[in-house]
PDB file of N, CA and C in Angstrom:
ATOM      1  N   MET A   1      31.628 -36.051 -29.105  1.00  0.00           N
ATOM      2  CA  MET A   1      30.822 -35.872 -27.918  1.00  0.00           C
ATOM      3  C   MET A   1      31.098 -34.476 -27.371  1.00  0.00           C
ATOM      4  N   ALA A   2      30.027 -33.805 -26.943  1.00  0.00           N
ATOM      5  CA  ALA A   2      30.153 -32.445 -26.431  1.00  0.00           C
ATOM      6  C   ALA A   2      30.816 -32.454 -25.068  1.00  0.00           C
ATOM      7  N   ARG A   3      31.570 -31.426 -24.848  1.00  0.00           N
ATOM      8  CA  ARG A   3      32.307 -31.325 -23.601  1.00  0.00           C
ATOM      9  C   ARG A   3      31.332 -31.092 -22.427  1.00  0.00           C
ATOM     10  N   GLY A   4      31.433 -31.905 -21.398  1.00  0.00           N
ATOM     11  CA  GLY A   4      30.621 -31.743 -20.205  1.00  0.00           C
ATOM     12  C   GLY A   4      29.232 -32.335 -20.283  1.00  0.00           C
ATOM     13  N   SER A   5      28.882 -33.033 -21.336  1.00  0.00           N
ATOM     14  CA  SER A   5      27.526 -33.550 -21.463  1.00  0.00           C
ATOM     15  C   SER A   5      27.239 -34.653 -20.452  1.00  0.00           C
ATOM     16  N   LYS A   6      28.236 -35.480 -20.155  1.00  0.00           N
ATOM     17  CA  LYS A   6      28.015 -36.536 -19.168  1.00  0.00           C
ATOM     18  C   LYS A   6      27.835 -35.950 -17.769  1.00  0.00           C
ATOM     19  N   SER A   7      28.595 -34.952 -17.415  1.00  0.00           N
ATOM     20  CA  SER A   7      28.506 -34.412 -16.066  1.00  0.00           C
ATOM     21  C   SER A   7      27.184 -33.662 -15.855  1.00  0.00           C
ATOM     22  N   ASN A   8      26.663 -33.039 -16.912  1.00  0.00           N
ATOM     23  CA  ASN A   8      25.379 -32.358 -16.770  1.00  0.00           C
ATOM     24  C   ASN A   8      24.244 -33.338 -16.543  1.00  0.00           C
ATOM     25  N   ALA A   9      24.305 -34.481 -17.210  1.00  0.00           N
ATOM     26  CA  ALA A   9      23.271 -35.497 -17.026  1.00  0.00           C
ATOM     27  C   ALA A   9      23.341 -36.078 -15.628  1.00  0.00           C
ATOM     28  N   ALA A  10      24.532 -36.221 -15.088  1.00  0.00           N
ATOM     29  CA  ALA A  10      24.683 -36.778 -13.757  1.00  0.00           C
ATOM     30  C   ALA A  10      24.234 -35.781 -12.689  1.00  0.00           C
ATOM     31  N   ARG A  11      24.294 -34.506 -12.959  1.00  0.00           N
ATOM     32  CA  ARG A  11      23.922 -33.486 -11.984  1.00  0.00           C
ATOM     33  C   ARG A  11      22.421 -33.255 -11.897  1.00  0.00           C
ATOM     34  N   LYS A  12      21.673 -33.737 -12.853  1.00  0.00           N
ATOM     35  CA  LYS A  12      20.238 -33.506 -12.856  1.00  0.00           C
ATOM     36  C   LYS A  12      19.611 -34.209 -11.652  1.00  0.00           C
ATOM     37  N   VAL A  13      19.021 -33.414 -10.798  1.00  0.00           N
ATOM     38  CA  VAL A  13      18.411 -33.932  -9.577  1.00  0.00           C
ATOM     39  C   VAL A  13      16.938 -33.571  -9.603  1.00  0.00           C
ATOM     40  N   GLU A  14      16.106 -34.532  -9.310  1.00  0.00           N
ATOM     41  CA  GLU A  14      14.675 -34.272  -9.267  1.00  0.00           C
ATOM     42  C   GLU A  14      14.329 -33.609  -7.939  1.00  0.00           C
ATOM     43  N   THR A  15      13.588 -32.521  -8.025  1.00  0.00           N
ATOM     44  CA  THR A  15      13.168 -31.848  -6.805  1.00  0.00           C
ATOM     45  C   THR A  15      11.836 -32.421  -6.349  1.00  0.00           C
ATOM     46  N   PRO A  16      11.710 -32.663  -5.050  1.00  0.00           N
ATOM     47  CA  PRO A  16      10.445 -33.226  -4.562  1.00  0.00           C
ATOM     48  C   PRO A  16       9.329 -32.193  -4.661  1.00  0.00           C
ATOM     49  N   VAL A  17       8.142 -32.683  -4.908  1.00  0.00           N
ATOM     50  CA  VAL A  17       6.968 -31.816  -5.000  1.00  0.00           C
ATOM     51  C   VAL A  17       6.436 -31.606  -3.588  1.00  0.00           C
ATOM     52  N   VAL A  18       6.367 -30.350  -3.187  1.00  0.00           N
ATOM     53  CA  VAL A  18       5.877 -30.020  -1.860  1.00  0.00           C
ATOM     54  C   VAL A  18       4.511 -29.369  -2.024  1.00  0.00           C
ATOM     55  N   SER A  19       3.528 -29.928  -1.352  1.00  0.00           N
ATOM     56  CA  SER A  19       2.188 -29.362  -1.462  1.00  0.00           C
ATOM     57  C   SER A  19       2.049 -28.189  -0.498  1.00  0.00           C
ATOM     58  N   ALA A  20       1.244 -27.241  -0.885  1.00  0.00           N
ATOM     59  CA  ALA A  20       1.006 -26.069  -0.049  1.00  0.00           C
ATOM     60  C   ALA A  20       0.162 -26.475   1.153  1.00  0.00           C
ATOM     61  N   PRO A  21       0.374 -25.810   2.291  1.00  0.00           N
ATOM     62  CA  PRO A  21      -0.450 -26.147   3.451  1.00  0.00           C
ATOM     63  C   PRO A  21      -1.909 -25.796   3.186  1.00  0.00           C
ATOM     64  N   SER A  22      -2.782 -26.591   3.730  1.00  0.00           N
ATOM     65  CA  SER A  22      -4.206 -26.318   3.520  1.00  0.00           C
ATOM     66  C   SER A  22      -4.726 -25.482   4.692  1.00  0.00           C
ATOM     67  N   PHE A  23      -5.436 -24.440   4.368  1.00  0.00           N
ATOM     68  CA  PHE A  23      -6.011 -23.555   5.357  1.00  0.00           C
ATOM     69  C   PHE A  23      -7.521 -23.714   5.334  1.00  0.00           C
ATOM     70  N   PRO A  24      -8.186 -23.420   6.449  1.00  0.00           N
ATOM     71  CA  PRO A  24      -9.645 -23.558   6.477  1.00  0.00           C
ATOM     72  C   PRO A  24     -10.332 -22.572   5.545  1.00  0.00           C
ATOM     73  N   THR A  25     -11.487 -22.962   5.061  1.00  0.00           N
ATOM     74  CA  THR A  25     -12.281 -22.098   4.196  1.00  0.00           C
ATOM     75  C   THR A  25     -13.116 -21.154   5.059  1.00  0.00           C
ATOM     76  N   THR A  26     -13.710 -20.174   4.425  1.00  0.00           N
ATOM     77  CA  THR A  26     -14.556 -19.223   5.141  1.00  0.00           C
ATOM     78  C   THR A  26     -15.715 -19.936   5.825  1.00  0.00           C
ATOM     79  N   ASP A  27     -16.335 -20.882   5.129  1.00  0.00           N
ATOM     80  CA  ASP A  27     -17.479 -21.601   5.701  1.00  0.00           C
ATOM     81  C   ASP A  27     -17.078 -22.403   6.939  1.00  0.00           C
ATOM     82  N   SER A  28     -15.907 -23.044   6.891  1.00  0.00           N
ATOM     83  CA  SER A  28     -15.481 -23.832   8.047  1.00  0.00           C
ATOM     84  C   SER A  28     -15.104 -22.930   9.216  1.00  0.00           C
ATOM     85  N   LEU A  29     -14.578 -21.739   8.928  1.00  0.00           N
ATOM     86  CA  LEU A  29     -14.269 -20.795  10.007  1.00  0.00           C
ATOM     87  C   LEU A  29     -15.539 -20.281  10.671  1.00  0.00           C
ATOM     88  N   VAL A  30     -16.564 -19.994   9.871  1.00  0.00           N
ATOM     89  CA  VAL A  30     -17.842 -19.541  10.428  1.00  0.00           C
ATOM     90  C   VAL A  30     -18.446 -20.646  11.288  1.00  0.00           C
ATOM     91  N   ALA A  31     -18.353 -21.878  10.826  1.00  0.00           N
ATOM     92  CA  ALA A  31     -18.878 -23.006  11.591  1.00  0.00           C
ATOM     93  C   ALA A  31     -18.110 -23.199  12.902  1.00  0.00           C
ATOM     94  N   SER A  32     -16.844 -22.769  12.925  1.00  0.00           N
ATOM     95  CA  SER A  32     -16.025 -22.894  14.128  1.00  0.00           C
ATOM     96  C   SER A  32     -16.238 -21.749  15.108  1.00  0.00           C
ATOM     97  N   GLY A  33     -17.061 -20.774  14.747  1.00  0.00           N
ATOM     98  CA  GLY A  33     -17.373 -19.696  15.666  1.00  0.00           C
ATOM     99  C   GLY A  33     -16.725 -18.362  15.342  1.00  0.00           C
ATOM    100  N   PHE A  34     -15.999 -18.267  14.244  1.00  0.00           N
ATOM    101  CA  PHE A  34     -15.396 -16.996  13.831  1.00  0.00           C
ATOM    102  C   PHE A  34     -16.399 -16.276  12.936  1.00  0.00           C
ATOM    103  N   ASN A  35     -17.322 -15.544  13.564  1.00  0.00           N
ATOM    104  CA  ASN A  35     -18.450 -14.971  12.837  1.00  0.00           C
ATOM    105  C   ASN A  35     -18.136 -13.664  12.134  1.00  0.00           C
ATOM    106  N   THR A  36     -17.153 -12.919  12.601  1.00  0.00           N
ATOM    107  CA  THR A  36     -16.843 -11.644  11.965  1.00  0.00           C
ATOM    108  C   THR A  36     -15.685 -11.804  10.992  1.00  0.00           C
ATOM    109  N   LYS A  37     -15.645 -10.936  10.009  1.00  0.00           N
ATOM    110  CA  LYS A  37     -14.577 -10.972   9.017  1.00  0.00           C
ATOM    111  C   LYS A  37     -13.227 -10.743   9.685  1.00  0.00           C
ATOM    112  N   SER A  38     -13.183  -9.835  10.644  1.00  0.00           N
ATOM    113  CA  SER A  38     -11.928  -9.543  11.343  1.00  0.00           C
ATOM    114  C   SER A  38     -11.434 -10.751  12.134  1.00  0.00           C
ATOM    115  N   ALA A  39     -12.345 -11.465  12.770  1.00  0.00           N
ATOM    116  CA  ALA A  39     -11.960 -12.659  13.529  1.00  0.00           C
ATOM    117  C   ALA A  39     -11.392 -13.720  12.601  1.00  0.00           C
ATOM    118  N   ARG A  40     -12.003 -13.882  11.426  1.00  0.00           N
ATOM    119  CA  ARG A  40     -11.487 -14.857  10.462  1.00  0.00           C
ATOM    120  C   ARG A  40     -10.118 -14.444   9.949  1.00  0.00           C
ATOM    121  N   ILE A  41      -9.928 -13.143   9.707  1.00  0.00           N
ATOM    122  CA  ILE A  41      -8.628 -12.646   9.234  1.00  0.00           C
ATOM    123  C   ILE A  41      -7.561 -12.923  10.284  1.00  0.00           C
ATOM    124  N   ARG A  42      -7.859 -12.638  11.548  1.00  0.00           N
ATOM    125  CA  ARG A  42      -6.879 -12.881  12.608  1.00  0.00           C
ATOM    126  C   ARG A  42      -6.550 -14.361  12.753  1.00  0.00           C
ATOM    127  N   GLU A  43      -7.545 -15.209  12.629  1.00  0.00           N
ATOM    128  CA  GLU A  43      -7.319 -16.652  12.763  1.00  0.00           C
ATOM    129  C   GLU A  43      -6.462 -17.169  11.616  1.00  0.00           C
ATOM    130  N   LEU A  44      -6.746 -16.758  10.389  1.00  0.00           N
ATOM    131  CA  LEU A  44      -5.955 -17.215   9.249  1.00  0.00           C
ATOM    132  C   LEU A  44      -4.513 -16.714   9.351  1.00  0.00           C
ATOM    133  N   ALA A  45      -4.321 -15.497   9.833  1.00  0.00           N
ATOM    134  CA  ALA A  45      -2.965 -14.976  10.024  1.00  0.00           C
ATOM    135  C   ALA A  45      -2.241 -15.769  11.106  1.00  0.00           C
ATOM    136  N   ARG A  46      -2.964 -16.131  12.166  1.00  0.00           N
ATOM    137  CA  ARG A  46      -2.369 -16.933  13.237  1.00  0.00           C
ATOM    138  C   ARG A  46      -1.923 -18.299  12.721  1.00  0.00           C
ATOM    139  N   LEU A  47      -2.662 -18.832  11.776  1.00  0.00           N
ATOM    140  CA  LEU A  47      -2.318 -20.129  11.191  1.00  0.00           C
ATOM    141  C   LEU A  47      -1.195 -20.042  10.166  1.00  0.00           C
ATOM    142  N   GLY A  48      -0.800 -18.821   9.793  1.00  0.00           N
ATOM    143  CA  GLY A  48       0.331 -18.657   8.896  1.00  0.00           C
ATOM    144  C   GLY A  48       0.002 -18.311   7.458  1.00  0.00           C
ATOM    145  N   MET A  49      -1.227 -18.022   7.161  1.00  0.00           N
ATOM    146  CA  MET A  49      -1.606 -17.644   5.794  1.00  0.00           C
ATOM    147  C   MET A  49      -1.108 -16.237   5.501  1.00  0.00           C
ATOM    148  N   SER A  50      -0.642 -15.996   4.291  1.00  0.00           N
ATOM    149  CA  SER A  50      -0.136 -14.674   3.932  1.00  0.00           C
ATOM    150  C   SER A  50      -1.276 -13.660   3.832  1.00  0.00           C
ATOM    151  N   LYS A  51      -0.929 -12.386   4.003  1.00  0.00           N
ATOM    152  CA  LYS A  51      -1.940 -11.327   3.943  1.00  0.00           C
ATOM    153  C   LYS A  51      -2.611 -11.285   2.576  1.00  0.00           C
ATOM    154  N   GLY A  52      -1.835 -11.496   1.530  1.00  0.00           N
ATOM    155  CA  GLY A  52      -2.405 -11.486   0.187  1.00  0.00           C
ATOM    156  C   GLY A  52      -3.409 -12.598  -0.028  1.00  0.00           C
ATOM    157  N   ASP A  53      -3.079 -13.794   0.463  1.00  0.00           N
ATOM    158  CA  ASP A  53      -4.010 -14.921   0.338  1.00  0.00           C
ATOM    159  C   ASP A  53      -5.263 -14.705   1.178  1.00  0.00           C
ATOM    160  N   ILE A  54      -5.084 -14.128   2.376  1.00  0.00           N
ATOM    161  CA  ILE A  54      -6.250 -13.821   3.215  1.00  0.00           C
ATOM    162  C   ILE A  54      -7.144 -12.811   2.503  1.00  0.00           C
ATOM    163  N   ALA A  55      -6.524 -11.803   1.895  1.00  0.00           N
ATOM    164  CA  ALA A  55      -7.297 -10.774   1.188  1.00  0.00           C
ATOM    165  C   ALA A  55      -8.099 -11.388   0.047  1.00  0.00           C
ATOM    166  N   ARG A  56      -7.500 -12.292  -0.696  1.00  0.00           N
ATOM    167  CA  ARG A  56      -8.214 -12.928  -1.811  1.00  0.00           C
ATOM    168  C   ARG A  56      -9.360 -13.801  -1.300  1.00  0.00           C
ATOM    169  N   GLN A  57      -9.165 -14.498  -0.179  1.00  0.00           N
ATOM    170  CA  GLN A  57     -10.184 -15.412   0.318  1.00  0.00           C
ATOM    171  C   GLN A  57     -11.300 -14.686   1.069  1.00  0.00           C
ATOM    172  N   GLU A  58     -10.952 -13.744   1.919  1.00  0.00           N
ATOM    173  CA  GLU A  58     -11.931 -13.160   2.833  1.00  0.00           C
ATOM    174  C   GLU A  58     -12.518 -11.834   2.375  1.00  0.00           C
ATOM    175  N   THR A  59     -11.767 -11.030   1.614  1.00  0.00           N
ATOM    176  CA  THR A  59     -12.227  -9.679   1.324  1.00  0.00           C
ATOM    177  C   THR A  59     -12.269  -9.382  -0.168  1.00  0.00           C
ATOM    178  N   ASN A  60     -12.248 -10.369  -0.990  1.00  0.00           N
ATOM    179  CA  ASN A  60     -12.259 -10.187  -2.447  1.00  0.00           C
ATOM    180  C   ASN A  60     -11.122  -9.283  -2.916  1.00  0.00           C
ATOM    181  N   GLY A  61      -9.972  -9.435  -2.297  1.00  0.00           N
ATOM    182  CA  GLY A  61      -8.785  -8.729  -2.738  1.00  0.00           C
ATOM    183  C   GLY A  61      -8.507  -7.417  -2.050  1.00  0.00           C
ATOM    184  N   LEU A  62      -9.212  -7.079  -0.982  1.00  0.00           N
ATOM    185  CA  LEU A  62      -8.970  -5.817  -0.282  1.00  0.00           C
ATOM    186  C   LEU A  62      -7.837  -6.004   0.732  1.00  0.00           C
ATOM    187  N   TYR A  63      -6.612  -5.909   0.233  1.00  0.00           N
ATOM    188  CA  TYR A  63      -5.426  -6.121   1.053  1.00  0.00           C
ATOM    189  C   TYR A  63      -5.353  -5.103   2.186  1.00  0.00           C
ATOM    190  N   GLN A  64      -5.728  -3.859   1.930  1.00  0.00           N
ATOM    191  CA  GLN A  64      -5.632  -2.806   2.939  1.00  0.00           C
ATOM    192  C   GLN A  64      -6.471  -3.138   4.171  1.00  0.00           C
ATOM    193  N   HIS A  65      -7.636  -3.733   3.983  1.00  0.00           N
ATOM    194  CA  HIS A  65      -8.475  -4.111   5.118  1.00  0.00           C
ATOM    195  C   HIS A  65      -7.775  -5.165   5.970  1.00  0.00           C
ATOM    196  N   VAL A  66      -7.183  -6.161   5.321  1.00  0.00           N
ATOM    197  CA  VAL A  66      -6.470  -7.211   6.041  1.00  0.00           C
ATOM    198  C   VAL A  66      -5.308  -6.593   6.824  1.00  0.00           C
ATOM    199  N   TYR A  67      -4.561  -5.725   6.184  1.00  0.00           N
ATOM    200  CA  TYR A  67      -3.430  -5.058   6.825  1.00  0.00           C
ATOM    201  C   TYR A  67      -3.899  -4.276   8.057  1.00  0.00           C
ATOM    202  N   ASN A  68      -4.979  -3.523   7.915  1.00  0.00           N
ATOM    203  CA  ASN A  68      -5.488  -2.721   9.034  1.00  0.00           C
ATOM    204  C   ASN A  68      -5.964  -3.589  10.198  1.00  0.00           C
ATOM    205  N   VAL A  69      -6.633  -4.682   9.905  1.00  0.00           N
ATOM    206  CA  VAL A  69      -7.121  -5.575  10.961  1.00  0.00           C
ATOM    207  C   VAL A  69      -5.947  -6.157  11.737  1.00  0.00           C
ATOM    208  N   LEU A  70      -4.907  -6.573  11.028  1.00  0.00           N
ATOM    209  CA  LEU A  70      -3.769  -7.194  11.693  1.00  0.00           C
ATOM    210  C   LEU A  70      -2.890  -6.169  12.408  1.00  0.00           C
ATOM    211  N   LYS A  71      -2.927  -4.934  11.965  1.00  0.00           N
ATOM    212  CA  LYS A  71      -2.104  -3.891  12.572  1.00  0.00           C
ATOM    213  C   LYS A  71      -2.702  -3.399  13.882  1.00  0.00           C
ATOM    214  N   ARG A  72      -4.002  -3.268  13.939  1.00  0.00           N
ATOM    215  CA  ARG A  72      -4.664  -2.716  15.115  1.00  0.00           C
ATOM    216  C   ARG A  72      -4.932  -3.806  16.146  1.00  0.00           C
ATOM    217  N   PRO A  73      -4.740  -3.475  17.435  1.00  0.00           N
ATOM    218  CA  PRO A  73      -5.050  -4.465  18.477  1.00  0.00           C
ATOM    219  C   PRO A  73      -6.560  -4.604  18.650  1.00  0.00           C
ATOM    220  N   LEU A  74      -6.962  -5.673  19.282  1.00  0.00           N
ATOM    221  CA  LEU A  74      -8.378  -5.879  19.570  1.00  0.00           C
ATOM    222  C   LEU A  74      -8.875  -4.784  20.496  1.00  0.00           C
ATOM    223  N   LYS A  75     -10.095  -4.312  20.264  1.00  0.00           N
ATOM    224  CA  LYS A  75     -10.658  -3.275  21.137  1.00  0.00           C
ATOM    225  C   LYS A  75     -11.012  -3.841  22.505  1.00  0.00           C
ATOM    226  N   LYS A  76     -11.551  -5.038  22.535  1.00  0.00           N
ATOM    227  CA  LYS A  76     -11.842  -5.670  23.818  1.00  0.00           C
ATOM    228  C   LYS A  76     -11.181  -7.050  23.817  1.00  0.00           C
ATOM    229  N   PRO A  77     -10.453  -7.378  24.863  1.00  0.00           N
ATOM    230  CA  PRO A  77      -9.774  -8.670  24.900  1.00  0.00           C
ATOM    231  C   PRO A  77     -10.768  -9.813  25.039  1.00  0.00           C
ATOM    232  N   ALA A  78     -10.338 -10.964  24.612  1.00  0.00           N
ATOM    233  CA  ALA A  78     -11.179 -12.152  24.727  1.00  0.00           C
ATOM    234  C   ALA A  78     -11.391 -12.471  26.204  1.00  0.00           C
ATOM    235  N   VAL A  79     -12.549 -12.987  26.551  1.00  0.00           N
ATOM    236  CA  VAL A  79     -12.870 -13.324  27.932  1.00  0.00           C
ATOM    237  C   VAL A  79     -12.152 -14.614  28.284  1.00  0.00           C
ATOM    238  N   ALA A  80     -11.352 -14.551  29.340  1.00  0.00           N
ATOM    239  CA  ALA A  80     -10.592 -15.724  29.766  1.00  0.00           C
ATOM    240  C   ALA A  80     -11.410 -16.534  30.764  1.00  0.00           C
ATOM    241  N   ALA A  81     -11.125 -17.817  30.835  1.00  0.00           N
ATOM    242  CA  ALA A  81     -11.781 -18.681  31.809  1.00  0.00           C
ATOM    243  C   ALA A  81     -11.299 -18.296  33.209  1.00  0.00           C
ATOM    244  N   PRO A  82     -12.129 -18.458  34.232  1.00  0.00           N
ATOM    245  CA  PRO A  82     -11.702 -18.104  35.588  1.00  0.00           C
ATOM    246  C   PRO A  82     -10.506 -18.949  36.026  1.00  0.00           C
ATOM    247  N   GLN A  83      -9.599 -18.318  36.746  1.00  0.00           N
ATOM    248  CA  GLN A  83      -8.414 -19.008  37.236  1.00  0.00           C
ATOM    249  C   GLN A  83      -8.782 -19.931  38.396  1.00  0.00           C
ATOM    250  N   ALA A  84      -7.951 -20.906  38.670  1.00  0.00           N
ATOM    251  CA  ALA A  84      -8.201 -21.857  39.751  1.00  0.00           C
ATOM    252  C   ALA A  84      -8.244 -21.146  41.100  1.00  0.00           C
ATOM    253  N   SER A  85      -7.445 -20.096  41.281  1.00  0.00           N
ATOM    254  CA  SER A  85      -7.428 -19.383  42.565  1.00  0.00           C
ATOM    255  C   SER A  85      -8.736 -18.646  42.816  1.00  0.00           C
ATOM    256  N   GLU A  86      -9.439 -18.240  41.775  1.00  0.00           N
ATOM    257  CA  GLU A  86     -10.708 -17.539  41.929  1.00  0.00           C
ATOM    258  C   GLU A  86     -11.830 -18.479  42.368  1.00  0.00           C
ATOM    259  N   THR A  87     -11.767 -19.724  41.970  1.00  0.00           N
ATOM    260  CA  THR A  87     -12.818 -20.682  42.320  1.00  0.00           C
ATOM    261  C   THR A  87     -12.455 -21.503  43.552  1.00  0.00           C
ATOM    262  N   ALA A  88     -11.219 -21.429  44.036  1.00  0.00           N
ATOM    263  CA  ALA A  88     -10.798 -22.227  45.176  1.00  0.00           C
ATOM    264  C   ALA A  88     -11.533 -21.832  46.450  1.00  0.00           C
ATOM    265  N   GLY A  89     -11.890 -20.564  46.597  1.00  0.00           N
ATOM    266  CA  GLY A  89     -12.592 -20.103  47.802  1.00  0.00           C
ATOM    267  C   GLY A  89     -13.973 -20.713  47.942  1.00  0.00           C
ATOM    268  N   ASP A  90     -14.612 -21.082  46.861  1.00  0.00           N
ATOM    269  CA  ASP A  90     -15.953 -21.661  46.923  1.00  0.00           C
ATOM    270  C   ASP A  90     -15.942 -23.050  47.516  1.00  0.00           C
ATOM    271  N   GLU A  91     -14.873 -23.794  47.293  1.00  0.00           N
ATOM    272  CA  GLU A  91     -14.826 -25.177  47.761  1.00  0.00           C
ATOM    273  C   GLU A  91     -14.534 -25.265  49.255  1.00  0.00           C
ATOM    274  N   THR A  92     -13.751 -24.339  49.804  1.00  0.00           N
ATOM    275  CA  THR A  92     -13.349 -24.428  51.208  1.00  0.00           C
ATOM    276  C   THR A  92     -14.311 -23.708  52.151  1.00  0.00           C
ATOM    277  N   ASP A  93     -15.285 -22.990  51.645  1.00  0.00           N
ATOM    278  CA  ASP A  93     -16.221 -22.232  52.459  1.00  0.00           C
ATOM    279  C   ASP A  93     -17.322 -23.171  52.950  1.00  0.00           C
ATOM    280  N   SER A  94     -17.223 -23.610  54.189  1.00  0.00           N
ATOM    281  CA  SER A  94     -18.233 -24.523  54.732  1.00  0.00           C
ATOM    282  C   SER A  94     -18.671 -24.035  56.105  1.00  0.00           C
ATOM    283  N   ASN A  95     -19.319 -22.906  56.169  1.00  0.00           N
ATOM    284  CA  ASN A  95     -19.807 -22.325  57.419  1.00  0.00           C
ATOM    285  C   ASN A  95     -21.220 -22.779  57.734  1.00  0.00           C
ATOM    286  N   ALA A  96     -21.746 -23.784  57.131  1.00  0.00           N
ATOM    287  CA  ALA A  96     -23.130 -24.192  57.319  1.00  0.00           C
ATOM    288  C   ALA A  96     -23.305 -25.144  58.452  1.00  0.00           C
TER     289      ALA A  96
END
């Protein structure tokens, strides 16, 4: 019998199969309101998709475009909903 053959068989451990996270497709992102390529790139990055995978899915492999979109800040910020303090004055105004 070969030296150590029993211990090697006992050490064999099966590794669990881990599935990759599923990310939305381009069509589902467009349906969700992300109409521009840059918006889709930012959303996929926010969800944790790698730049390389985003480049393959959204830009046919143009990694530099993905990098540039994620590097540069938005030119105009997203419009936020009005705060409660801004609308509170409308409810208490009863001069009629």
